C-alpha atoms as a PDB file:
ATOM      1  CA  UNK A   1      46.041 -59.887  30.767  1.00  0.00           C
ATOM      2  CA  UNK A   2      47.032 -56.916  28.550  1.00  0.00           C
ATOM      3  CA  UNK A   3      50.235 -57.172  26.588  1.00  0.00           C
ATOM      4  CA  UNK A   4      53.390 -55.982  28.343  1.00  0.00           C
ATOM      5  CA  UNK A   5      54.788 -52.606  27.341  1.00  0.00           C
ATOM      6  CA  UNK A   6      57.908 -52.731  25.180  1.00  0.00           C
ATOM      7  CA  UNK A   7      61.269 -52.115  26.803  1.00  0.00           C
ATOM      8  CA  UNK A   8      62.109 -49.251  24.431  1.00  0.00           C
ATOM      9  CA  UNK A   9      60.205 -46.030  23.846  1.00  0.00           C
ATOM     10  CA  UNK A  10      57.134 -46.541  21.644  1.00  0.00           C
ATOM     11  CA  UNK A  11      57.088 -44.967  18.196  1.00  0.00           C
ATOM     12  CA  UNK A  12      53.679 -43.259  18.558  1.00  0.00           C
ATOM     13  CA  UNK A  13      52.511 -41.744  21.844  1.00  0.00           C
ATOM     14  CA  UNK A  14      49.794 -39.412  23.079  1.00  0.00           C
ATOM     15  CA  UNK A  15      50.257 -36.901  25.900  1.00  0.00           C
ATOM     16  CA  UNK A  16      47.103 -35.263  27.213  1.00  0.00           C
ATOM     17  CA  UNK A  17      47.834 -31.962  28.908  1.00  0.00           C
ATOM     18  CA  UNK A  18      50.988 -31.879  26.793  1.00  0.00           C
ATOM     19  CA  UNK A  19      51.076 -28.089  26.558  1.00  0.00           C
ATOM     20  CA  UNK A  20      51.492 -27.805  30.329  1.00  0.00           C
ATOM     21  CA  UNK A  21      54.728 -27.649  32.260  1.00  0.00           C
ATOM     22  CA  UNK A  22      55.178 -31.369  32.934  1.00  0.00           C
ATOM     23  CA  UNK A  23      53.572 -32.405  29.661  1.00  0.00           C
ATOM     24  CA  UNK A  24      55.959 -30.345  27.558  1.00  0.00           C
ATOM     25  CA  UNK A  25      58.970 -31.607  29.520  1.00  0.00           C
ATOM     26  CA  UNK A  26      57.771 -35.183  29.060  1.00  0.00           C
ATOM     27  CA  UNK A  27      57.340 -34.680  25.315  1.00  0.00           C
ATOM     28  CA  UNK A  28      60.873 -33.289  25.040  1.00  0.00           C
ATOM     29  CA  UNK A  29      62.202 -36.287  26.965  1.00  0.00           C
ATOM     30  CA  UNK A  30      60.319 -38.782  24.779  1.00  0.00           C
ATOM     31  CA  UNK A  31      61.707 -37.144  21.643  1.00  0.00           C
ATOM     32  CA  UNK A  32      65.272 -37.088  22.959  1.00  0.00           C
ATOM     33  CA  UNK A  33      65.122 -40.743  23.994  1.00  0.00           C
ATOM     34  CA  UNK A  34      63.744 -42.081  20.692  1.00  0.00           C
ATOM     35  CA  UNK A  35      64.616 -40.542  17.332  1.00  0.00           C
ATOM     36  CA  UNK A  36      61.705 -42.380  15.686  1.00  0.00           C
ATOM     37  CA  UNK A  37      59.076 -41.164  18.149  1.00  0.00           C
ATOM     38  CA  UNK A  38      55.899 -39.518  16.910  1.00  0.00           C
ATOM     39  CA  UNK A  39      54.092 -37.517  19.577  1.00  0.00           C
ATOM     40  CA  UNK A  40      50.469 -36.415  19.652  1.00  0.00           C
ATOM     41  CA  UNK A  41      49.739 -33.583  22.096  1.00  0.00           C
ATOM     42  CA  UNK A  42      46.150 -32.918  23.169  1.00  0.00           C
ATOM     43  CA  UNK A  43      45.582 -29.755  25.169  1.00  0.00           C
ATOM     44  CA  UNK A  44      43.550 -26.565  25.166  1.00  0.00           C
ATOM     45  CA  UNK A  45      46.649 -24.687  24.008  1.00  0.00           C
ATOM     46  CA  UNK A  46      49.131 -25.513  21.258  1.00  0.00           C
ATOM     47  CA  UNK A  47      52.102 -27.647  22.232  1.00  0.00           C
ATOM     48  CA  UNK A  48      55.122 -25.415  22.954  1.00  0.00           C
ATOM     49  CA  UNK A  49      57.609 -28.073  21.791  1.00  0.00           C
ATOM     50  CA  UNK A  50      58.787 -27.081  18.311  1.00  0.00           C
ATOM     51  CA  UNK A  51      59.568 -30.365  16.604  1.00  0.00           C
ATOM     52  CA  UNK A  52      58.350 -31.837  13.320  1.00  0.00           C
ATOM     53  CA  UNK A  53      57.613 -35.099  15.131  1.00  0.00           C
ATOM     54  CA  UNK A  54      54.955 -33.424  17.309  1.00  0.00           C
ATOM     55  CA  UNK A  55      51.349 -33.103  16.164  1.00  0.00           C
ATOM     56  CA  UNK A  56      49.426 -30.622  18.299  1.00  0.00           C
ATOM     57  CA  UNK A  57      45.672 -31.099  18.653  1.00  0.00           C
ATOM     58  CA  UNK A  58      44.119 -28.045  20.286  1.00  0.00           C
ATOM     59  CA  UNK A  59      40.974 -29.109  22.090  1.00  0.00           C
ATOM     60  CA  UNK A  60      39.443 -30.260  25.346  1.00  0.00           C
ATOM     61  CA  UNK A  61      40.254 -33.792  26.508  1.00  0.00           C
ATOM     62  CA  UNK A  62      36.631 -34.154  27.633  1.00  0.00           C
ATOM     63  CA  UNK A  63      35.394 -33.413  24.082  1.00  0.00           C
ATOM     64  CA  UNK A  64      34.928 -36.693  22.134  1.00  0.00           C
ATOM     65  CA  UNK A  65      35.689 -35.013  18.803  1.00  0.00           C
ATOM     66  CA  UNK A  66      39.040 -33.657  20.045  1.00  0.00           C
ATOM     67  CA  UNK A  67      39.870 -36.992  21.629  1.00  0.00           C
ATOM     68  CA  UNK A  68      39.111 -38.921  18.459  1.00  0.00           C
ATOM     69  CA  UNK A  69      41.265 -36.498  16.454  1.00  0.00           C
ATOM     70  CA  UNK A  70      44.223 -37.038  18.787  1.00  0.00           C
ATOM     71  CA  UNK A  71      43.962 -40.791  19.377  1.00  0.00           C
ATOM     72  CA  UNK A  72      45.474 -42.352  16.270  1.00  0.00           C
ATOM     73  CA  UNK A  73      45.027 -46.053  15.602  1.00  0.00           C
ATOM     74  CA  UNK A  74      48.727 -46.815  16.123  1.00  0.00           C
ATOM     75  CA  UNK A  75      49.164 -45.109  19.512  1.00  0.00           C
ATOM     76  CA  UNK A  76      51.014 -47.466  21.819  1.00  0.00           C
ATOM     77  CA  UNK A  77      51.516 -45.344  24.950  1.00  0.00           C
ATOM     78  CA  UNK A  78      49.336 -42.631  26.487  1.00  0.00           C
ATOM     79  CA  UNK A  79      50.431 -40.345  29.286  1.00  0.00           C
ATOM     80  CA  UNK A  80      47.207 -38.898  30.701  1.00  0.00           C
ATOM     81  CA  UNK A  81      48.309 -35.697  32.446  1.00  0.00           C
ATOM     82  CA  UNK A  82      45.323 -33.432  31.719  1.00  0.00           C
ATOM     83  CA  UNK A  83      43.543 -32.503  34.944  1.00  0.00           C
ATOM     84  CA  UNK A  84      41.731 -29.832  36.906  1.00  0.00           C
ATOM     85  CA  UNK A  85      44.034 -29.227  39.872  1.00  0.00           C
ATOM     86  CA  UNK A  86      43.264 -28.985  43.570  1.00  0.00           C
ATOM     87  CA  UNK A  87      42.427 -25.295  43.934  1.00  0.00           C
ATOM     88  CA  UNK A  88      40.198 -25.132  40.871  1.00  0.00           C
ATOM     89  CA  UNK A  89      38.580 -28.454  41.821  1.00  0.00           C
ATOM     90  CA  UNK A  90      37.408 -27.023  45.133  1.00  0.00           C
ATOM     91  CA  UNK A  91      36.077 -23.887  43.428  1.00  0.00           C
ATOM     92  CA  UNK A  92      34.603 -25.677  40.389  1.00  0.00           C
ATOM     93  CA  UNK A  93      33.675 -29.273  41.309  1.00  0.00           C
ATOM     94  CA  UNK A  94      31.725 -29.805  38.083  1.00  0.00           C
ATOM     95  CA  UNK A  95      34.826 -28.978  36.051  1.00  0.00           C
ATOM     96  CA  UNK A  96      36.818 -31.432  38.157  1.00  0.00           C
ATOM     97  CA  UNK A  97      34.277 -34.174  37.494  1.00  0.00           C
ATOM     98  CA  UNK A  98      34.177 -33.427  33.747  1.00  0.00           C
ATOM     99  CA  UNK A  99      37.952 -33.429  33.233  1.00  0.00           C
ATOM    100  CA  UNK A 100      39.318 -35.702  35.956  1.00  0.00           C
ATOM    101  CA  UNK A 101      36.629 -38.385  35.726  1.00  0.00           C
ATOM    102  CA  UNK A 102      34.537 -38.152  32.578  1.00  0.00           C
ATOM    103  CA  UNK A 103      37.457 -37.389  30.262  1.00  0.00           C
ATOM    104  CA  UNK A 104      39.341 -40.372  31.683  1.00  0.00           C
ATOM    105  CA  UNK A 105      36.325 -42.604  31.005  1.00  0.00           C
ATOM    106  CA  UNK A 106      36.064 -41.287  27.444  1.00  0.00           C
ATOM    107  CA  UNK A 107      39.777 -41.820  26.839  1.00  0.00           C
ATOM    108  CA  UNK A 108      39.643 -45.415  28.059  1.00  0.00           C
ATOM    109  CA  UNK A 109      36.553 -46.133  26.001  1.00  0.00           C
ATOM    110  CA  UNK A 110      38.258 -44.735  22.897  1.00  0.00           C
ATOM    111  CA  UNK A 111      41.181 -47.104  23.484  1.00  0.00           C
ATOM    112  CA  UNK A 112      38.899 -50.027  22.644  1.00  0.00           C
ATOM    113  CA  UNK A 113      39.299 -49.111  18.974  1.00  0.00           C
ATOM    114  CA  UNK A 114      43.106 -49.108  18.883  1.00  0.00           C
ATOM    115  CA  UNK A 115      45.234 -51.714  17.148  1.00  0.00           C
ATOM    116  CA  UNK A 116      46.433 -53.105  20.496  1.00  0.00           C
ATOM    117  CA  UNK A 117      45.842 -52.306  24.161  1.00  0.00           C
ATOM    118  CA  UNK A 118      48.045 -49.265  24.817  1.00  0.00           C
ATOM    119  CA  UNK A 119      50.037 -48.558  27.938  1.00  0.00           C
ATOM    120  CA  UNK A 120      48.122 -45.821  29.755  1.00  0.00           C
ATOM    121  CA  UNK A 121      49.982 -43.904  32.458  1.00  0.00           C
ATOM    122  CA  UNK A 122      47.566 -41.952  34.644  1.00  0.00           C
ATOM    123  CA  UNK A 123      49.205 -39.111  36.550  1.00  0.00           C
ATOM    124  CA  UNK A 124      47.311 -39.277  39.838  1.00  0.00           C
ATOM    125  CA  UNK A 125      48.015 -37.532  43.117  1.00  0.00           C
ATOM    126  CA  UNK A 126      48.875 -38.097  46.759  1.00  0.00           C
ATOM    127  CA  UNK A 127      45.633 -36.193  47.478  1.00  0.00           C
ATOM    128  CA  UNK A 128      43.785 -39.515  47.106  1.00  0.00           C
ATOM    129  CA  UNK A 129      44.944 -40.144  50.687  1.00  0.00           C
ATOM    130  CA  UNK A 130      43.618 -38.390  53.769  1.00  0.00           C
ATOM    131  CA  UNK A 131      42.146 -38.800  57.211  1.00  0.00           C
ATOM    132  CA  UNK A 132      44.250 -40.330  59.956  1.00  0.00           C
ATOM    133  CA  UNK A 133      47.568 -41.189  58.317  1.00  0.00           C
ATOM    134  CA  UNK A 134      50.591 -43.084  59.617  1.00  0.00           C
ATOM    135  CA  UNK A 135      53.910 -41.257  59.664  1.00  0.00           C
ATOM    136  CA  UNK A 136      55.005 -43.345  56.670  1.00  0.00           C
ATOM    137  CA  UNK A 137      52.191 -44.434  54.357  1.00  0.00           C
ATOM    138  CA  UNK A 138      52.485 -48.037  53.085  1.00  0.00           C
ATOM    139  CA  UNK A 139      51.698 -49.066  49.517  1.00  0.00           C
ATOM    140  CA  UNK A 140      48.385 -50.705  50.376  1.00  0.00           C
ATOM    141  CA  UNK A 141      46.949 -47.932  52.567  1.00  0.00           C
ATOM    142  CA  UNK A 142      43.255 -47.157  52.064  1.00  0.00           C
ATOM    143  CA  UNK A 143      42.234 -44.102  50.044  1.00  0.00           C
ATOM    144  CA  UNK A 144      40.305 -41.481  52.035  1.00  0.00           C
ATOM    145  CA  UNK A 145      40.521 -38.257  50.006  1.00  0.00           C
ATOM    146  CA  UNK A 146      39.635 -35.029  51.801  1.00  0.00           C
ATOM    147  CA  UNK A 147      39.117 -32.852  48.707  1.00  0.00           C
ATOM    148  CA  UNK A 148      37.213 -32.806  45.422  1.00  0.00           C
ATOM    149  CA  UNK A 149      40.503 -33.140  43.572  1.00  0.00           C
ATOM    150  CA  UNK A 150      41.549 -36.213  45.531  1.00  0.00           C
ATOM    151  CA  UNK A 151      38.109 -37.801  45.167  1.00  0.00           C
ATOM    152  CA  UNK A 152      37.912 -37.336  41.402  1.00  0.00           C
ATOM    153  CA  UNK A 153      41.438 -38.653  40.900  1.00  0.00           C
ATOM    154  CA  UNK A 154      40.680 -41.699  43.062  1.00  0.00           C
ATOM    155  CA  UNK A 155      37.725 -42.451  40.787  1.00  0.00           C
ATOM    156  CA  UNK A 156      39.957 -42.015  37.731  1.00  0.00           C
ATOM    157  CA  UNK A 157      42.404 -44.510  39.231  1.00  0.00           C
ATOM    158  CA  UNK A 158      39.654 -47.110  39.536  1.00  0.00           C
ATOM    159  CA  UNK A 159      38.590 -46.513  35.936  1.00  0.00           C
ATOM    160  CA  UNK A 160      42.121 -47.227  34.701  1.00  0.00           C
ATOM    161  CA  UNK A 161      42.415 -50.330  36.872  1.00  0.00           C
ATOM    162  CA  UNK A 162      39.071 -51.653  35.613  1.00  0.00           C
ATOM    163  CA  UNK A 163      40.020 -51.025  31.977  1.00  0.00           C
ATOM    164  CA  UNK A 164      43.274 -52.907  32.622  1.00  0.00           C
ATOM    165  CA  UNK A 165      41.412 -55.830  34.184  1.00  0.00           C
ATOM    166  CA  UNK A 166      39.202 -56.027  31.108  1.00  0.00           C
ATOM    167  CA  UNK A 167      42.205 -55.970  28.764  1.00  0.00           C
ATOM    168  CA  UNK A 168      41.283 -52.645  27.156  1.00  0.00           C
ATOM    169  CA  UNK A 169      44.537 -50.979  28.258  1.00  0.00           C
ATOM    170  CA  UNK A 170      47.786 -51.851  29.997  1.00  0.00           C
ATOM    171  CA  UNK A 171      47.395 -49.297  32.754  1.00  0.00           C
ATOM    172  CA  UNK A 172      49.732 -47.855  35.359  1.00  0.00           C
ATOM    173  CA  UNK A 173      48.672 -45.298  37.963  1.00  0.00           C
ATOM    174  CA  UNK A 174      51.434 -43.123  39.385  1.00  0.00           C
ATOM    175  CA  UNK A 175      50.703 -40.829  42.317  1.00  0.00           C
ATOM    176  CA  UNK A 176      52.831 -37.774  41.709  1.00  0.00           C
ATOM    177  CA  UNK A 177      54.314 -35.792  44.615  1.00  0.00           C
ATOM    178  CA  UNK A 178      54.113 -32.011  44.750  1.00  0.00           C
ATOM    179  CA  UNK A 179      56.460 -30.883  41.967  1.00  0.00           C
ATOM    180  CA  UNK A 180      58.879 -28.128  42.979  1.00  0.00           C
ATOM    181  CA  UNK A 181      60.482 -25.888  42.118  1.00  0.00           C
ATOM    182  CA  UNK A 182      58.278 -25.205  39.063  1.00  0.00           C
ATOM    183  CA  UNK A 183      59.336 -22.368  36.774  1.00  0.00           C
ATOM    184  CA  UNK A 184      56.766 -20.064  35.245  1.00  0.00           C
ATOM    185  CA  UNK A 185      53.722 -18.598  36.914  1.00  0.00           C
ATOM    186  CA  UNK A 186      51.750 -20.009  39.889  1.00  0.00           C
ATOM    187  CA  UNK A 187      49.122 -22.583  38.906  1.00  0.00           C
ATOM    188  CA  UNK A 188      45.745 -23.518  40.411  1.00  0.00           C
ATOM    189  CA  UNK A 189      47.126 -26.228  42.694  1.00  0.00           C
ATOM    190  CA  UNK A 190      46.777 -25.594  46.420  1.00  0.00           C
ATOM    191  CA  UNK A 191      50.389 -26.722  46.689  1.00  0.00           C
ATOM    192  CA  UNK A 192      51.548 -23.992  44.280  1.00  0.00           C
ATOM    193  CA  UNK A 193      53.103 -22.120  47.213  1.00  0.00           C
ATOM    194  CA  UNK A 194      55.724 -24.873  47.578  1.00  0.00           C
ATOM    195  CA  UNK A 195      57.366 -23.543  44.425  1.00  0.00           C
ATOM    196  CA  UNK A 196      56.342 -19.942  45.074  1.00  0.00           C
ATOM    197  CA  UNK A 197      58.216 -19.546  48.347  1.00  0.00           C
ATOM    198  CA  UNK A 198      61.460 -20.242  46.490  1.00  0.00           C
ATOM    199  CA  UNK A 199      60.744 -19.072  42.945  1.00  0.00           C
ATOM    200  CA  UNK A 200      59.371 -15.609  43.679  1.00  0.00           C
ATOM    201  CA  UNK A 201      62.080 -14.555  46.175  1.00  0.00           C
ATOM    202  CA  UNK A 202      64.783 -15.603  43.712  1.00  0.00           C
ATOM    203  CA  UNK A 203      63.108 -13.348  41.138  1.00  0.00           C
ATOM    204  CA  UNK A 204      63.188 -10.460  43.597  1.00  0.00           C
ATOM    205  CA  UNK A 205      59.476 -10.713  44.435  1.00  0.00           C
ATOM    206  CA  UNK A 206      57.600 -11.115  47.711  1.00  0.00           C
ATOM    207  CA  UNK A 207      55.837 -14.389  48.494  1.00  0.00           C
ATOM    208  CA  UNK A 208      53.627 -15.859  51.197  1.00  0.00           C
ATOM    209  CA  UNK A 209      53.491 -19.272  52.828  1.00  0.00           C
ATOM    210  CA  UNK A 210      49.850 -20.168  53.629  1.00  0.00           C
ATOM    211  CA  UNK A 211      50.582 -23.186  55.867  1.00  0.00           C
ATOM    212  CA  UNK A 212      52.543 -23.653  59.103  1.00  0.00           C
ATOM    213  CA  UNK A 213      56.267 -23.869  58.515  1.00  0.00           C
ATOM    214  CA  UNK A 214      56.391 -27.385  59.998  1.00  0.00           C
ATOM    215  CA  UNK A 215      53.817 -28.840  57.540  1.00  0.00           C
ATOM    216  CA  UNK A 216      55.168 -32.086  56.090  1.00  0.00           C
ATOM    217  CA  UNK A 217      55.202 -32.140  52.281  1.00  0.00           C
ATOM    218  CA  UNK A 218      56.014 -34.901  49.778  1.00  0.00           C
ATOM    219  CA  UNK A 219      58.070 -33.217  47.052  1.00  0.00           C
ATOM    220  CA  UNK A 220      59.806 -34.161  43.804  1.00  0.00           C
ATOM    221  CA  UNK A 221      61.792 -31.983  41.419  1.00  0.00           C
ATOM    222  CA  UNK A 222      60.722 -31.413  37.793  1.00  0.00           C
ATOM    223  CA  UNK A 223      63.550 -33.455  36.256  1.00  0.00           C
ATOM    224  CA  UNK A 224      63.033 -36.415  38.567  1.00  0.00           C
ATOM    225  CA  UNK A 225      59.255 -36.336  38.119  1.00  0.00           C
ATOM    226  CA  UNK A 226      59.611 -36.327  34.335  1.00  0.00           C
ATOM    227  CA  UNK A 227      62.066 -39.198  34.496  1.00  0.00           C
ATOM    228  CA  UNK A 228      59.669 -41.225  36.639  1.00  0.00           C
ATOM    229  CA  UNK A 229      56.721 -40.537  34.333  1.00  0.00           C
ATOM    230  CA  UNK A 230      58.759 -41.739  31.355  1.00  0.00           C
ATOM    231  CA  UNK A 231      59.850 -44.839  33.267  1.00  0.00           C
ATOM    232  CA  UNK A 232      56.220 -45.697  34.039  1.00  0.00           C
ATOM    233  CA  UNK A 233      55.532 -45.804  30.322  1.00  0.00           C
ATOM    234  CA  UNK A 234      58.214 -48.443  29.789  1.00  0.00           C
ATOM    235  CA  UNK A 235      57.614 -50.807  32.715  1.00  0.00           C
ATOM    236  CA  UNK A 236      56.788 -54.341  31.647  1.00  0.00           C
ATOM    237  CA  UNK A 237      53.214 -55.144  32.649  1.00  0.00           C
ATOM    238  CA  UNK A 238      54.160 -58.502  34.147  1.00  0.00           C
ATOM    239  CA  UNK A 239      56.382 -56.784  36.734  1.00  0.00           C
ATOM    240  CA  UNK A 240      53.321 -55.065  38.197  1.00  0.00           C
ATOM    241  CA  UNK A 241      51.133 -58.152  38.707  1.00  0.00           C
ATOM    242  CA  UNK A 242      47.840 -56.901  40.139  1.00  0.00           C
ATOM    243  CA  UNK A 243      49.361 -53.865  41.873  1.00  0.00           C
ATOM    244  CA  UNK A 244      49.151 -51.240  39.145  1.00  0.00           C
ATOM    245  CA  UNK A 245      49.246 -48.179  41.437  1.00  0.00           C
ATOM    246  CA  UNK A 246      52.619 -46.748  42.432  1.00  0.00           C
ATOM    247  CA  UNK A 247      53.396 -43.994  44.932  1.00  0.00           C
ATOM    248  CA  UNK A 248      56.255 -42.157  43.251  1.00  0.00           C
ATOM    249  CA  UNK A 249      59.343 -41.379  45.328  1.00  0.00           C
ATOM    250  CA  UNK A 250      59.764 -37.955  46.865  1.00  0.00           C
ATOM    251  CA  UNK A 251      61.383 -36.093  49.722  1.00  0.00           C
ATOM    252  CA  UNK A 252      59.742 -35.341  53.054  1.00  0.00           C
ATOM    253  CA  UNK A 253      60.225 -31.585  53.400  1.00  0.00           C
ATOM    254  CA  UNK A 254      58.631 -28.716  55.295  1.00  0.00           C
ATOM    255  CA  UNK A 255      58.362 -25.104  54.182  1.00  0.00           C
ATOM    256  CA  UNK A 256      61.006 -24.404  56.823  1.00  0.00           C
ATOM    257  CA  UNK A 257      63.353 -26.873  55.082  1.00  0.00           C
ATOM    258  CA  UNK A 258      62.852 -25.184  51.720  1.00  0.00           C
ATOM    259  CA  UNK A 259      63.342 -21.718  53.176  1.00  0.00           C
ATOM    260  CA  UNK A 260      66.529 -22.831  54.898  1.00  0.00           C
ATOM    261  CA  UNK A 261      67.802 -24.108  51.525  1.00  0.00           C
ATOM    262  CA  UNK A 262      66.786 -20.818  49.934  1.00  0.00           C
ATOM    263  CA  UNK A 263      68.759 -18.891  52.545  1.00  0.00           C
ATOM    264  CA  UNK A 264      71.818 -21.102  52.084  1.00  0.00           C
ATOM    265  CA  UNK A 265      71.671 -20.534  48.324  1.00  0.00           C
ATOM    266  CA  UNK A 266      70.774 -16.843  48.175  1.00  0.00           C
ATOM    267  CA  UNK A 267      71.187 -15.305  51.620  1.00  0.00           C
ATOM    268  CA  UNK A 268      68.939 -14.022  54.416  1.00  0.00           C
ATOM    269  CA  UNK A 269      67.677 -10.970  52.501  1.00  0.00           C
ATOM    270  CA  UNK A 270      66.133 -13.220  49.851  1.00  0.00           C
ATOM    271  CA  UNK A 271      64.670 -15.499  52.533  1.00  0.00           C
ATOM    272  CA  UNK A 272      63.092 -12.444  54.159  1.00  0.00           C
ATOM    273  CA  UNK A 273      60.898 -11.905  51.090  1.00  0.00           C
ATOM    274  CA  UNK A 274      58.681 -14.784  52.294  1.00  0.00           C
ATOM    275  CA  UNK A 275      56.067 -14.054  54.938  1.00  0.00           C
ATOM    276  CA  UNK A 276      53.784 -16.458  56.795  1.00  0.00           C
ATOM    277  CA  UNK A 277      50.143 -15.709  55.923  1.00  0.00           C
ATOM    278  CA  UNK A 278      47.883 -18.569  57.117  1.00  0.00           C
ATOM    279  CA  UNK A 279      45.064 -19.783  54.869  1.00  0.00           C
ATOM    280  CA  UNK A 280      42.643 -22.138  56.626  1.00  0.00           C
ATOM    281  CA  UNK A 281      41.452 -23.944  53.480  1.00  0.00           C
ATOM    282  CA  UNK A 282      44.924 -24.525  52.053  1.00  0.00           C
ATOM    283  CA  UNK A 283      46.182 -25.645  55.462  1.00  0.00           C
ATOM    284  CA  UNK A 284      43.297 -28.111  55.851  1.00  0.00           C
ATOM    285  CA  UNK A 285      43.624 -29.641  52.386  1.00  0.00           C
ATOM    286  CA  UNK A 286      47.418 -29.731  52.085  1.00  0.00           C
ATOM    287  CA  UNK A 287      47.670 -30.878  55.696  1.00  0.00           C
ATOM    288  CA  UNK A 288      45.516 -33.918  54.860  1.00  0.00           C
ATOM    289  CA  UNK A 289      48.095 -35.225  52.376  1.00  0.00           C
ATOM    290  CA  UNK A 290      50.798 -37.738  53.340  1.00  0.00           C
ATOM    291  CA  UNK A 291      54.252 -36.480  54.200  1.00  0.00           C
ATOM    292  CA  UNK A 292      56.138 -39.717  53.573  1.00  0.00           C
ATOM    293  CA  UNK A 293      55.694 -43.065  51.817  1.00  0.00           C
ATOM    294  CA  UNK A 294      57.277 -46.491  52.019  1.00  0.00           C
ATOM    295  CA  UNK A 295      59.450 -46.489  48.883  1.00  0.00           C
ATOM    296  CA  UNK A 296      60.595 -50.117  48.842  1.00  0.00           C
ATOM    297  CA  UNK A 297      58.371 -51.189  45.954  1.00  0.00           C
ATOM    298  CA  UNK A 298      58.773 -48.011  43.882  1.00  0.00           C
ATOM    299  CA  UNK A 299      62.548 -48.149  44.167  1.00  0.00           C
ATOM    300  CA  UNK A 300      62.577 -51.877  43.335  1.00  0.00           C
ATOM    301  CA  UNK A 301      60.693 -51.005  40.142  1.00  0.00           C
ATOM    302  CA  UNK A 302      63.357 -48.470  39.189  1.00  0.00           C
ATOM    303  CA  UNK A 303      61.788 -45.165  40.230  1.00  0.00           C
ATOM    304  CA  UNK A 304      64.070 -42.557  41.804  1.00  0.00           C
ATOM    305  CA  UNK A 305      63.987 -39.642  44.253  1.00  0.00           C
ATOM    306  CA  UNK A 306      65.835 -36.335  44.470  1.00  0.00           C
ATOM    307  CA  UNK A 307      68.838 -35.970  46.741  1.00  0.00           C
ATOM    308  CA  UNK A 308      67.800 -33.063  48.992  1.00  0.00           C
ATOM    309  CA  UNK A 309      65.986 -29.749  49.338  1.00  0.00           C
ATOM    310  CA  UNK A 310      69.225 -28.037  48.335  1.00  0.00           C
ATOM    311  CA  UNK A 311      69.211 -30.039  45.082  1.00  0.00           C
ATOM    312  CA  UNK A 312      65.693 -28.802  44.273  1.00  0.00           C
ATOM    313  CA  UNK A 313      66.655 -25.172  44.882  1.00  0.00           C
ATOM    314  CA  UNK A 314      69.887 -25.559  42.905  1.00  0.00           C
ATOM    315  CA  UNK A 315      67.957 -27.067  39.979  1.00  0.00           C
ATOM    316  CA  UNK A 316      65.707 -24.012  39.818  1.00  0.00           C
ATOM    317  CA  UNK A 317      68.611 -21.570  40.165  1.00  0.00           C
ATOM    318  CA  UNK A 318      70.253 -23.284  37.173  1.00  0.00           C
ATOM    319  CA  UNK A 319      67.045 -22.761  35.151  1.00  0.00           C
ATOM    320  CA  UNK A 320      66.872 -19.140  36.280  1.00  0.00           C
ATOM    321  CA  UNK A 321      70.505 -18.543  35.338  1.00  0.00           C
ATOM    322  CA  UNK A 322      70.101 -20.173  31.927  1.00  0.00           C
ATOM    323  CA  UNK A 323      67.580 -17.607  30.785  1.00  0.00           C
ATOM    324  CA  UNK A 324      65.669 -20.300  28.864  1.00  0.00           C
ATOM    325  CA  UNK A 325      61.955 -19.536  28.967  1.00  0.00           C
ATOM    326  CA  UNK A 326      60.322 -17.828  31.951  1.00  0.00           C
ATOM    327  CA  UNK A 327      61.844 -19.282  35.120  1.00  0.00           C
END
């Protein structure tokens, strides 16, 4: 059995995909929680976090040379966030295989040369589920992905679990809800509209909702998601036993719920900037994802959920009002 993760933040960590939205937030949180932390960021762009404790390695996670440059011998925790998201995965399945599967295999293989088995947190997805789903999905429900993205991430999950069984890493797989409301520009995820139907109207821009307004979504805010990712890096391995996959807490919301919160926060004229424009592919894929999970185990392990749709909208409005970065 791999060694348990320490209770405090590790001194040297690696974040793949660390130049992205969640990766950069996670790096900032690691640095603020541990003054001695040293962070290695591996991404195709330079890390946006300006801190002397951050070493940015610009390269592709699926490139062995870049990976070897980033994976120092003393790394104790790895957050593996780098991924090809759902929309790009459907359009470019080979890219999804290379990054979501092959890069994960290369990363785990490289861990064999570290001083001790590191904690590896794989950011997976609720898209590993699909088919006929119960109203509330239990922890042990079978994986039946209905997309290239979900399939490649399910394979990556198994790779992490196998490496943990062999003692190469101390792995934890966390299935991340749709994160909203994201600041910045839309990304390649098919769920990008979940943020867009709130973010764009609040910026004075038009937006479209590509799925029926009663589509059930599993949603978590940026701050809560970052907190849960950090917590996964600190869980003691012996608390997980053989169940190393965790469905992170979220809220069951529909686009109608989010638009109602938007109207309460900003008024009907802002809500009117969103139009329904059905997209068959997005509806099929997003509609195959679970809308609710049994949270008993995740909450017992210390993971948390947001309070409400209003809280998610208010969090974004606070970012927008702060003027920090591009909201």
